[in-house]
Amino acid sequence: MYDDDLKLVQEVLNGSIDSFNIIVNKYELPILKFVYNIIKNKETSEDITQEVFITLYNKLYLYKKEYKFSNWIFQIAKNKCIDYMRKYKRVYEANIEDIKDLISNEVSPEQSIEFKETKKNIEKFINSLDCIDKQIIALRYSKEKLTFHDIAEILNMNESSVKRRYYKTREKFKEYSSKNKERCRI
């Protein structure tokens, strides 16, 4: 995948619009989800995601191939979110990324209600976290399945700090879920 991204980047730098469209198709949804987890507004998240790809296109020549391309594009997204938050001077809460609707047609109404309550409690827990911890959780559980090293690179933190915060958050969640009698795992 890393080599595919490098090849696409080189093709875009050589003028291939099709290769840029492939990059957009590959990263648009993960970036949109990441931005939404920070901003919590659909329309604004879509606008910021579009800005990410405009910046990506205009600044692609600055990409250094010794770094993972996905980390670089998530870094652009993070910076765009920070710029937006500074501009509007509001505090935005992130939601857990990618809580999937696991309810199938075969699930009983009781199970459906229990799932919705569990989801609500998980969201409540995530919303109680500070911004950095929310971002770590969102990136760790994103579709991209980023490593601690990747997350540290995106958030401009050292890897051990990311791991420490992640595992501390998991412990907090275990305490929270036992108090709320939930049987969920992060």
N, C-alpha and C. Protein backbone atom coordinates (compact mmCIF):
# COMPACT_ATOMS: atom_id res chain seq x y z
N MET A 1 0.83 -1.18 0.00
CA MET A 1 0.00 0.00 0.00
C MET A 1 0.88 1.25 0.00
N TYR A 2 1.94 1.22 0.80
CA TYR A 2 2.85 2.35 0.89
C TYR A 2 3.46 2.64 -0.48
N ASP A 3 3.89 1.57 -1.17
CA ASP A 3 4.47 1.73 -2.51
C ASP A 3 3.44 2.23 -3.51
N ASP A 4 2.19 1.77 -3.37
CA ASP A 4 1.12 2.25 -4.26
C ASP A 4 0.93 3.75 -4.10
N ASP A 5 0.93 4.21 -2.86
CA ASP A 5 0.77 5.64 -2.60
C ASP A 5 1.93 6.43 -3.21
N LEU A 6 3.14 5.92 -3.04
CA LEU A 6 4.31 6.62 -3.60
C LEU A 6 4.21 6.71 -5.12
N LYS A 7 3.76 5.63 -5.73
CA LYS A 7 3.60 5.62 -7.18
C LYS A 7 2.55 6.64 -7.61
N LEU A 8 1.42 6.67 -6.90
CA LEU A 8 0.36 7.63 -7.22
C LEU A 8 0.84 9.07 -7.05
N VAL A 9 1.58 9.32 -5.98
CA VAL A 9 2.11 10.67 -5.74
C VAL A 9 3.00 11.09 -6.89
N GLN A 10 3.88 10.19 -7.30
CA GLN A 10 4.79 10.52 -8.40
C GLN A 10 4.01 10.79 -9.69
N GLU A 11 2.97 10.01 -9.93
CA GLU A 11 2.15 10.22 -11.13
C GLU A 11 1.43 11.56 -11.08
N VAL A 12 0.93 11.93 -9.90
CA VAL A 12 0.26 13.24 -9.76
C VAL A 12 1.27 14.35 -10.01
N LEU A 13 2.46 14.21 -9.45
CA LEU A 13 3.50 15.22 -9.66
C LEU A 13 3.88 15.33 -11.14
N ASN A 14 3.69 14.25 -11.87
CA ASN A 14 3.95 14.26 -13.32
C ASN A 14 2.73 14.70 -14.12
N GLY A 15 1.65 15.11 -13.43
CA GLY A 15 0.50 15.69 -14.11
C GLY A 15 -0.72 14.81 -14.26
N SER A 16 -0.73 13.64 -13.65
CA SER A 16 -1.86 12.72 -13.80
C SER A 16 -3.02 13.09 -12.87
N ILE A 17 -4.09 13.58 -13.46
CA ILE A 17 -5.30 13.90 -12.70
C ILE A 17 -5.98 12.60 -12.24
N ASP A 18 -5.92 11.56 -13.08
CA ASP A 18 -6.53 10.28 -12.71
C ASP A 18 -5.91 9.72 -11.42
N SER A 19 -4.61 9.85 -11.29
CA SER A 19 -3.94 9.36 -10.07
C SER A 19 -4.37 10.17 -8.85
N PHE A 20 -4.57 11.47 -9.04
CA PHE A 20 -5.05 12.29 -7.93
C PHE A 20 -6.46 11.85 -7.53
N ASN A 21 -7.29 11.56 -8.52
CA ASN A 21 -8.65 11.08 -8.22
C ASN A 21 -8.62 9.76 -7.45
N ILE A 22 -7.66 8.90 -7.75
CA ILE A 22 -7.52 7.64 -7.02
C ILE A 22 -7.17 7.92 -5.56
N ILE A 23 -6.26 8.87 -5.34
CA ILE A 23 -5.89 9.26 -3.97
C ILE A 23 -7.12 9.79 -3.23
N VAL A 24 -7.87 10.67 -3.90
CA VAL A 24 -9.07 11.24 -3.28
C VAL A 24 -10.05 10.13 -2.93
N ASN A 25 -10.31 9.23 -3.86
CA ASN A 25 -11.25 8.13 -3.60
C ASN A 25 -10.79 7.24 -2.45
N LYS A 26 -9.50 7.05 -2.33
CA LYS A 26 -8.95 6.19 -1.29
C LYS A 26 -9.03 6.83 0.10
N TYR A 27 -8.76 8.12 0.18
CA TYR A 27 -8.63 8.78 1.48
C TYR A 27 -9.80 9.68 1.87
N GLU A 28 -10.72 9.95 0.97
CA GLU A 28 -11.77 10.91 1.27
C GLU A 28 -12.61 10.51 2.49
N LEU A 29 -13.08 9.30 2.53
CA LEU A 29 -13.93 8.87 3.64
C LEU A 29 -13.17 8.80 4.97
N PRO A 30 -11.97 8.20 5.02
CA PRO A 30 -11.23 8.21 6.29
C PRO A 30 -10.92 9.63 6.79
N ILE A 31 -10.58 10.52 5.88
CA ILE A 31 -10.30 11.91 6.28
C ILE A 31 -11.58 12.58 6.76
N LEU A 32 -12.67 12.38 6.05
CA LEU A 32 -13.95 12.97 6.45
C LEU A 32 -14.35 12.50 7.85
N LYS A 33 -14.20 11.21 8.12
CA LYS A 33 -14.53 10.68 9.44
C LYS A 33 -13.63 11.27 10.52
N PHE A 34 -12.35 11.38 10.21
CA PHE A 34 -11.40 11.95 11.16
C PHE A 34 -11.78 13.40 11.48
N VAL A 35 -12.05 14.18 10.44
CA VAL A 35 -12.41 15.59 10.62
C VAL A 35 -13.73 15.69 11.40
N TYR A 36 -14.69 14.87 11.05
CA TYR A 36 -15.99 14.91 11.74
C TYR A 36 -15.83 14.61 13.23
N ASN A 37 -14.93 13.69 13.55
CA ASN A 37 -14.70 13.36 14.96
C ASN A 37 -14.17 14.53 15.76
N ILE A 38 -13.55 15.46 15.10
CA ILE A 38 -13.02 16.64 15.77
C ILE A 38 -14.04 17.78 15.74
N ILE A 39 -14.65 18.01 14.59
CA ILE A 39 -15.51 19.18 14.38
C ILE A 39 -16.96 18.92 14.78
N LYS A 40 -17.45 17.72 14.55
CA LYS A 40 -18.82 17.32 14.87
C LYS A 40 -19.89 18.10 14.12
N ASN A 41 -19.60 18.50 12.92
CA ASN A 41 -20.58 19.16 12.08
C ASN A 41 -20.37 18.64 10.67
N LYS A 42 -21.41 18.03 10.10
CA LYS A 42 -21.28 17.34 8.81
C LYS A 42 -20.83 18.28 7.70
N GLU A 43 -21.53 19.40 7.54
CA GLU A 43 -21.22 20.31 6.43
C GLU A 43 -19.82 20.91 6.57
N THR A 44 -19.48 21.32 7.77
CA THR A 44 -18.15 21.89 8.01
C THR A 44 -17.08 20.83 7.78
N SER A 45 -17.34 19.61 8.21
CA SER A 45 -16.38 18.51 8.00
C SER A 45 -16.16 18.25 6.52
N GLU A 46 -17.24 18.31 5.74
CA GLU A 46 -17.11 18.13 4.29
C GLU A 46 -16.29 19.26 3.68
N ASP A 47 -16.51 20.49 4.13
CA ASP A 47 -15.75 21.63 3.62
C ASP A 47 -14.27 21.50 3.96
N ILE A 48 -13.99 21.13 5.20
CA ILE A 48 -12.59 20.98 5.62
C ILE A 48 -11.93 19.84 4.86
N THR A 49 -12.65 18.76 4.65
CA THR A 49 -12.10 17.63 3.89
C THR A 49 -11.75 18.08 2.47
N GLN A 50 -12.61 18.89 1.87
CA GLN A 50 -12.32 19.41 0.54
C GLN A 50 -11.06 20.29 0.58
N GLU A 51 -10.93 21.10 1.62
CA GLU A 51 -9.74 21.94 1.78
C GLU A 51 -8.48 21.08 1.92
N VAL A 52 -8.61 19.95 2.61
CA VAL A 52 -7.47 19.05 2.78
C VAL A 52 -6.96 18.60 1.41
N PHE A 53 -7.89 18.22 0.53
CA PHE A 53 -7.46 17.73 -0.78
C PHE A 53 -6.96 18.85 -1.69
N ILE A 54 -7.49 20.04 -1.53
CA ILE A 54 -6.96 21.19 -2.28
C ILE A 54 -5.53 21.46 -1.83
N THR A 55 -5.32 21.48 -0.52
CA THR A 55 -3.97 21.69 0.01
C THR A 55 -3.05 20.56 -0.43
N LEU A 56 -3.55 19.35 -0.36
CA LEU A 56 -2.76 18.20 -0.79
C LEU A 56 -2.29 18.38 -2.22
N TYR A 57 -3.19 18.76 -3.09
CA TYR A 57 -2.85 18.92 -4.51
C TYR A 57 -1.83 20.05 -4.69
N ASN A 58 -2.04 21.15 -4.00
CA ASN A 58 -1.15 22.30 -4.16
C ASN A 58 0.20 22.14 -3.49
N LYS A 59 0.28 21.29 -2.47
CA LYS A 59 1.52 21.14 -1.70
C LYS A 59 2.14 19.75 -1.84
N LEU A 60 1.66 18.97 -2.78
CA LEU A 60 2.14 17.60 -2.92
C LEU A 60 3.65 17.53 -3.15
N TYR A 61 4.20 18.54 -3.79
CA TYR A 61 5.64 18.57 -4.04
C TYR A 61 6.45 18.62 -2.74
N LEU A 62 5.82 19.00 -1.64
CA LEU A 62 6.50 19.06 -0.34
C LEU A 62 6.55 17.71 0.38
N TYR A 63 5.77 16.74 -0.10
CA TYR A 63 5.73 15.44 0.55
C TYR A 63 7.10 14.77 0.47
N LYS A 64 7.54 14.25 1.61
CA LYS A 64 8.83 13.54 1.69
C LYS A 64 8.55 12.05 1.75
N LYS A 65 9.06 11.33 0.79
CA LYS A 65 8.70 9.92 0.65
C LYS A 65 9.21 9.01 1.77
N GLU A 66 10.07 9.52 2.65
CA GLU A 66 10.50 8.68 3.77
C GLU A 66 9.40 8.54 4.83
N TYR A 67 8.35 9.36 4.73
CA TYR A 67 7.21 9.28 5.64
C TYR A 67 6.04 8.62 4.94
N LYS A 68 5.20 7.96 5.72
CA LYS A 68 4.01 7.34 5.13
C LYS A 68 3.09 8.43 4.62
N PHE A 69 2.58 8.24 3.42
CA PHE A 69 1.69 9.22 2.81
C PHE A 69 0.42 9.40 3.63
N SER A 70 -0.13 8.31 4.14
CA SER A 70 -1.36 8.41 4.93
C SER A 70 -1.15 9.29 6.17
N ASN A 71 0.01 9.18 6.80
CA ASN A 71 0.30 10.03 7.96
C ASN A 71 0.34 11.50 7.55
N TRP A 72 0.93 11.75 6.40
CA TRP A 72 1.07 13.12 5.92
C TRP A 72 -0.30 13.74 5.65
N ILE A 73 -1.18 12.99 5.00
CA ILE A 73 -2.50 13.55 4.68
C ILE A 73 -3.34 13.72 5.96
N PHE A 74 -3.22 12.82 6.93
CA PHE A 74 -3.92 13.00 8.20
C PHE A 74 -3.37 14.20 8.96
N GLN A 75 -2.09 14.46 8.82
CA GLN A 75 -1.49 15.64 9.45
C GLN A 75 -2.07 16.91 8.84
N ILE A 76 -2.24 16.92 7.53
CA ILE A 76 -2.88 18.07 6.87
C ILE A 76 -4.29 18.26 7.41
N ALA A 77 -5.03 17.16 7.54
CA ALA A 77 -6.40 17.22 8.05
C ALA A 77 -6.42 17.77 9.48
N LYS A 78 -5.53 17.28 10.30
CA LYS A 78 -5.46 17.76 11.69
C LYS A 78 -5.19 19.26 11.71
N ASN A 79 -4.24 19.71 10.90
CA ASN A 79 -3.90 21.13 10.86
C ASN A 79 -5.07 21.98 10.37
N LYS A 80 -5.81 21.48 9.40
CA LYS A 80 -6.99 22.22 8.90
C LYS A 80 -8.05 22.33 10.01
N CYS A 81 -8.22 21.28 10.78
CA CYS A 81 -9.18 21.32 11.89
C CYS A 81 -8.74 22.34 12.94
N ILE A 82 -7.46 22.34 13.26
CA ILE A 82 -6.95 23.30 14.24
C ILE A 82 -7.14 24.72 13.72
N ASP A 83 -6.84 24.94 12.45
CA ASP A 83 -7.05 26.26 11.85
C ASP A 83 -8.51 26.69 11.97
N TYR A 84 -9.41 25.77 11.68
CA TYR A 84 -10.84 26.08 11.76
C TYR A 84 -11.24 26.43 13.19
N MET A 85 -10.79 25.61 14.14
CA MET A 85 -11.16 25.85 15.53
C MET A 85 -10.60 27.18 16.04
N ARG A 86 -9.38 27.50 15.63
CA ARG A 86 -8.81 28.79 16.02
C ARG A 86 -9.61 29.94 15.42
N LYS A 87 -9.97 29.77 14.16
CA LYS A 87 -10.69 30.83 13.46
C LYS A 87 -12.02 31.13 14.13
N TYR A 88 -12.73 30.11 14.55
CA TYR A 88 -14.05 30.31 15.13
C TYR A 88 -14.06 30.29 16.65
N LYS A 89 -12.89 30.04 17.25
CA LYS A 89 -12.72 30.10 18.70
C LYS A 89 -13.81 29.36 19.47
N ARG A 90 -14.09 28.17 19.02
CA ARG A 90 -15.05 27.31 19.72
C ARG A 90 -14.33 26.03 20.12
N VAL A 91 -14.88 25.37 21.08
CA VAL A 91 -14.35 24.06 21.47
C VAL A 91 -15.24 23.01 20.83
N TYR A 92 -14.62 22.11 20.09
CA TYR A 92 -15.37 21.06 19.43
C TYR A 92 -15.11 19.74 20.12
N GLU A 93 -16.15 19.00 20.26
CA GLU A 93 -16.07 17.69 20.88
C GLU A 93 -16.02 16.62 19.78
N ALA A 94 -15.21 15.61 20.00
CA ALA A 94 -15.14 14.51 19.05
C ALA A 94 -16.01 13.36 19.53
N ASN A 95 -16.53 12.64 18.59
CA ASN A 95 -17.29 11.43 18.88
C ASN A 95 -16.40 10.25 18.57
N ILE A 96 -16.74 9.09 19.09
CA ILE A 96 -15.98 7.91 18.71
C ILE A 96 -16.16 7.69 17.22
N GLU A 97 -15.06 7.36 16.57
CA GLU A 97 -15.12 7.16 15.13
C GLU A 97 -15.55 5.75 14.84
N ASP A 98 -16.35 5.64 13.80
CA ASP A 98 -16.67 4.33 13.26
C ASP A 98 -17.43 3.41 14.21
N ILE A 99 -18.32 3.95 15.05
CA ILE A 99 -19.19 3.04 15.80
C ILE A 99 -20.16 2.49 14.77
N LYS A 100 -20.03 1.25 14.50
CA LYS A 100 -20.82 0.64 13.43
C LYS A 100 -22.21 0.26 13.94
N ASP A 101 -23.17 0.36 13.05
CA ASP A 101 -24.51 -0.09 13.41
C ASP A 101 -24.53 -1.61 13.22
N LEU A 102 -24.40 -2.31 14.34
CA LEU A 102 -24.27 -3.77 14.29
C LEU A 102 -25.62 -4.48 14.34
N ILE A 103 -26.67 -3.72 14.34
CA ILE A 103 -27.99 -4.33 14.47
C ILE A 103 -28.41 -4.92 13.12
N SER A 104 -28.64 -6.22 13.11
CA SER A 104 -29.10 -6.85 11.88
C SER A 104 -30.59 -7.14 12.00
N ASN A 105 -31.17 -7.65 10.94
CA ASN A 105 -32.60 -7.96 10.94
C ASN A 105 -32.95 -9.08 11.92
N GLU A 106 -31.95 -9.88 12.30
CA GLU A 106 -32.20 -11.01 13.18
C GLU A 106 -32.11 -10.64 14.66
N VAL A 107 -31.81 -9.41 14.98
CA VAL A 107 -31.65 -8.98 16.36
C VAL A 107 -33.02 -8.69 16.97
N SER A 108 -33.18 -9.14 18.19
CA SER A 108 -34.46 -8.91 18.87
C SER A 108 -34.59 -7.43 19.25
N PRO A 109 -35.81 -6.96 19.49
CA PRO A 109 -36.00 -5.57 19.92
C PRO A 109 -35.25 -5.25 21.22
N GLU A 110 -35.18 -6.23 22.13
CA GLU A 110 -34.46 -6.02 23.39
C GLU A 110 -32.97 -5.82 23.13
N GLN A 111 -32.42 -6.65 22.24
CA GLN A 111 -31.00 -6.52 21.90
C GLN A 111 -30.74 -5.19 21.20
N SER A 112 -31.66 -4.78 20.38
CA SER A 112 -31.53 -3.50 19.68
C SER A 112 -31.49 -2.34 20.67
N ILE A 113 -32.37 -2.36 21.64
CA ILE A 113 -32.41 -1.32 22.67
C ILE A 113 -31.12 -1.34 23.49
N GLU A 114 -30.69 -2.55 23.86
CA GLU A 114 -29.46 -2.69 24.64
C GLU A 114 -28.26 -2.14 23.85
N PHE A 115 -28.21 -2.46 22.56
CA PHE A 115 -27.11 -1.96 21.72
C PHE A 115 -27.12 -0.43 21.68
N LYS A 116 -28.29 0.15 21.48
CA LYS A 116 -28.39 1.62 21.41
C LYS A 116 -27.97 2.26 22.71
N GLU A 117 -28.33 1.66 23.84
CA GLU A 117 -27.92 2.19 25.14
C GLU A 117 -26.41 2.08 25.32
N THR A 118 -25.85 0.95 24.90
CA THR A 118 -24.41 0.76 24.98
C THR A 118 -23.68 1.78 24.12
N LYS A 119 -24.17 1.97 22.91
CA LYS A 119 -23.57 2.95 22.00
C LYS A 119 -23.62 4.34 22.62
N LYS A 120 -24.75 4.69 23.21
CA LYS A 120 -24.92 6.01 23.84
C LYS A 120 -23.93 6.18 24.99
N ASN A 121 -23.73 5.13 25.79
CA ASN A 121 -22.78 5.20 26.90
C ASN A 121 -21.34 5.32 26.42
N ILE A 122 -21.01 4.62 25.35
CA ILE A 122 -19.66 4.73 24.79
C ILE A 122 -19.44 6.15 24.29
N GLU A 123 -20.41 6.70 23.58
CA GLU A 123 -20.30 8.08 23.09
C GLU A 123 -20.16 9.06 24.25
N LYS A 124 -20.90 8.83 25.32
CA LYS A 124 -20.82 9.69 26.50
C LYS A 124 -19.41 9.64 27.08
N PHE A 125 -18.84 8.44 27.16
CA PHE A 125 -17.48 8.29 27.66
C PHE A 125 -16.49 9.03 26.76
N ILE A 126 -16.59 8.80 25.46
CA ILE A 126 -15.67 9.45 24.52
C ILE A 126 -15.77 10.96 24.63
N ASN A 127 -16.97 11.48 24.75
CA ASN A 127 -17.15 12.93 24.86
C ASN A 127 -16.59 13.50 26.16
N SER A 128 -16.38 12.65 27.16
CA SER A 128 -15.80 13.12 28.42
C SER A 128 -14.28 13.23 28.35
N LEU A 129 -13.67 12.68 27.30
CA LEU A 129 -12.22 12.71 27.16
C LEU A 129 -11.74 14.07 26.67
N ASP A 130 -10.46 14.35 26.94
CA ASP A 130 -9.92 15.59 26.38
C ASP A 130 -9.63 15.39 24.89
N CYS A 131 -9.38 16.48 24.21
CA CYS A 131 -9.26 16.47 22.75
C CYS A 131 -8.19 15.50 22.24
N ILE A 132 -7.02 15.48 22.88
CA ILE A 132 -5.92 14.61 22.43
C ILE A 132 -6.32 13.14 22.56
N ASP A 133 -6.90 12.77 23.70
CA ASP A 133 -7.31 11.38 23.89
C ASP A 133 -8.38 10.97 22.88
N LYS A 134 -9.29 11.88 22.57
CA LYS A 134 -10.31 11.60 21.56
C LYS A 134 -9.66 11.34 20.20
N GLN A 135 -8.67 12.17 19.87
CA GLN A 135 -7.99 12.00 18.58
C GLN A 135 -7.24 10.68 18.54
N ILE A 136 -6.58 10.32 19.64
CA ILE A 136 -5.85 9.05 19.68
C ILE A 136 -6.81 7.88 19.48
N ILE A 137 -7.94 7.90 20.18
CA ILE A 137 -8.93 6.82 20.04
C ILE A 137 -9.49 6.80 18.61
N ALA A 138 -9.82 7.97 18.08
CA ALA A 138 -10.38 8.05 16.72
C ALA A 138 -9.40 7.50 15.70
N LEU A 139 -8.13 7.85 15.82
CA LEU A 139 -7.12 7.37 14.87
C LEU A 139 -6.84 5.88 15.06
N ARG A 140 -6.79 5.44 16.29
CA ARG A 140 -6.49 4.03 16.56
C ARG A 140 -7.58 3.12 16.01
N TYR A 141 -8.83 3.55 16.09
CA TYR A 141 -9.94 2.73 15.64
C TYR A 141 -10.47 3.15 14.28
N SER A 142 -9.70 3.93 13.56
CA SER A 142 -10.13 4.34 12.22
C SER A 142 -10.01 3.16 11.26
N LYS A 143 -10.58 3.33 10.11
CA LYS A 143 -10.54 2.31 9.07
C LYS A 143 -9.09 2.01 8.65
N GLU A 144 -8.24 3.02 8.78
CA GLU A 144 -6.84 2.87 8.39
C GLU A 144 -6.04 1.99 9.36
N LYS A 145 -6.58 1.75 10.58
CA LYS A 145 -5.91 0.95 11.61
C LYS A 145 -4.47 1.42 11.83
N LEU A 146 -4.34 2.67 12.18
CA LEU A 146 -3.03 3.28 12.34
C LEU A 146 -2.29 2.72 13.55
N THR A 147 -0.97 2.63 13.42
CA THR A 147 -0.13 2.16 14.52
C THR A 147 0.11 3.32 15.48
N PHE A 148 0.65 2.99 16.65
CA PHE A 148 0.99 4.04 17.61
C PHE A 148 2.03 4.99 17.01
N HIS A 149 2.95 4.44 16.26
CA HIS A 149 3.96 5.27 15.61
C HIS A 149 3.31 6.26 14.65
N ASP A 150 2.36 5.78 13.85
CA ASP A 150 1.66 6.64 12.89
C ASP A 150 0.86 7.73 13.61
N ILE A 151 0.18 7.34 14.68
CA ILE A 151 -0.62 8.30 15.44
C ILE A 151 0.28 9.37 16.04
N ALA A 152 1.41 8.94 16.58
CA ALA A 152 2.37 9.89 17.17
C ALA A 152 2.85 10.89 16.12
N GLU A 153 3.12 10.39 14.93
CA GLU A 153 3.57 11.25 13.84
C GLU A 153 2.49 12.26 13.46
N ILE A 154 1.26 11.81 13.35
CA ILE A 154 0.15 12.70 12.96
C ILE A 154 -0.09 13.77 14.02
N LEU A 155 -0.02 13.39 15.29
CA LEU A 155 -0.33 14.31 16.39
C LEU A 155 0.90 15.07 16.91
N ASN A 156 2.04 14.85 16.28
CA ASN A 156 3.29 15.49 16.72
C ASN A 156 3.60 15.20 18.19
N MET A 157 3.49 13.94 18.54
CA MET A 157 3.79 13.48 19.90
C MET A 157 4.80 12.35 19.80
N ASN A 158 5.41 12.00 20.94
CA ASN A 158 6.27 10.82 20.86
C ASN A 158 5.42 9.57 21.07
N GLU A 159 5.90 8.49 20.55
CA GLU A 159 5.13 7.24 20.53
C GLU A 159 4.79 6.75 21.94
N SER A 160 5.71 6.88 22.87
CA SER A 160 5.44 6.40 24.23
C SER A 160 4.32 7.20 24.89
N SER A 161 4.23 8.50 24.59
CA SER A 161 3.14 9.31 25.14
C SER A 161 1.80 8.87 24.57
N VAL A 162 1.78 8.56 23.28
CA VAL A 162 0.55 8.10 22.65
C VAL A 162 0.11 6.78 23.28
N LYS A 163 1.04 5.85 23.43
CA LYS A 163 0.72 4.56 24.04
C LYS A 163 0.21 4.74 25.47
N ARG A 164 0.91 5.56 26.24
CA ARG A 164 0.52 5.79 27.63
C ARG A 164 -0.90 6.34 27.71
N ARG A 165 -1.19 7.34 26.89
CA ARG A 165 -2.53 7.95 26.91
C ARG A 165 -3.59 6.95 26.44
N TYR A 166 -3.26 6.16 25.42
CA TYR A 166 -4.20 5.17 24.90
C TYR A 166 -4.55 4.15 25.99
N TYR A 167 -3.53 3.57 26.62
CA TYR A 167 -3.78 2.54 27.62
C TYR A 167 -4.43 3.12 28.88
N LYS A 168 -4.09 4.35 29.22
CA LYS A 168 -4.75 5.01 30.35
C LYS A 168 -6.24 5.22 30.03
N THR A 169 -6.53 5.61 28.79
CA THR A 169 -7.93 5.79 28.37
C THR A 169 -8.67 4.46 28.40
N ARG A 170 -8.01 3.39 27.98
CA ARG A 170 -8.65 2.06 28.05
C ARG A 170 -8.98 1.69 29.49
N GLU A 171 -8.06 1.98 30.40
CA GLU A 171 -8.32 1.68 31.82
C GLU A 171 -9.48 2.52 32.34
N LYS A 172 -9.52 3.79 31.96
CA LYS A 172 -10.63 4.65 32.36
C LYS A 172 -11.95 4.08 31.84
N PHE A 173 -11.91 3.58 30.60
CA PHE A 173 -13.13 3.02 30.02
C PHE A 173 -13.58 1.77 30.77
N LYS A 174 -12.62 0.93 31.16
CA LYS A 174 -12.97 -0.27 31.92
C LYS A 174 -13.65 0.11 33.23
N GLU A 175 -13.10 1.12 33.91
CA GLU A 175 -13.73 1.59 35.15
C GLU A 175 -15.12 2.15 34.86
N TYR A 176 -15.20 2.96 33.83
CA TYR A 176 -16.47 3.58 33.45
C TYR A 176 -17.51 2.51 33.11
N SER A 177 -17.12 1.53 32.32
CA SER A 177 -18.08 0.51 31.90
C SER A 177 -18.50 -0.38 33.06
N SER A 178 -17.59 -0.64 34.00
CA SER A 178 -17.99 -1.46 35.15
C SER A 178 -18.96 -0.68 36.05
N LYS A 179 -18.76 0.62 36.16
CA LYS A 179 -19.69 1.44 36.93
C LYS A 179 -21.06 1.50 36.26
N ASN A 180 -21.04 1.49 34.94
CA ASN A 180 -22.29 1.57 34.18
C ASN A 180 -22.80 0.20 33.74
N LYS A 181 -22.12 -0.85 34.21
CA LYS A 181 -22.51 -2.22 33.93
C LYS A 181 -22.63 -2.51 32.44
N GLU A 182 -21.71 -1.92 31.68
CA GLU A 182 -21.69 -2.15 30.23
C GLU A 182 -20.66 -3.23 29.93
N ARG A 183 -20.90 -3.96 28.90
CA ARG A 183 -19.95 -5.00 28.50
C ARG A 183 -19.39 -4.66 27.13
N CYS A 184 -18.69 -3.55 27.08
CA CYS A 184 -18.13 -3.07 25.81
C CYS A 184 -16.62 -3.09 25.92
N ARG A 185 -15.98 -3.19 24.80
CA ARG A 185 -14.53 -3.15 24.78
C ARG A 185 -14.06 -2.06 23.85
N ILE A 186 -13.01 -1.37 24.26
CA ILE A 186 -12.30 -0.44 23.36
C ILE A 186 -10.98 -1.09 23.07
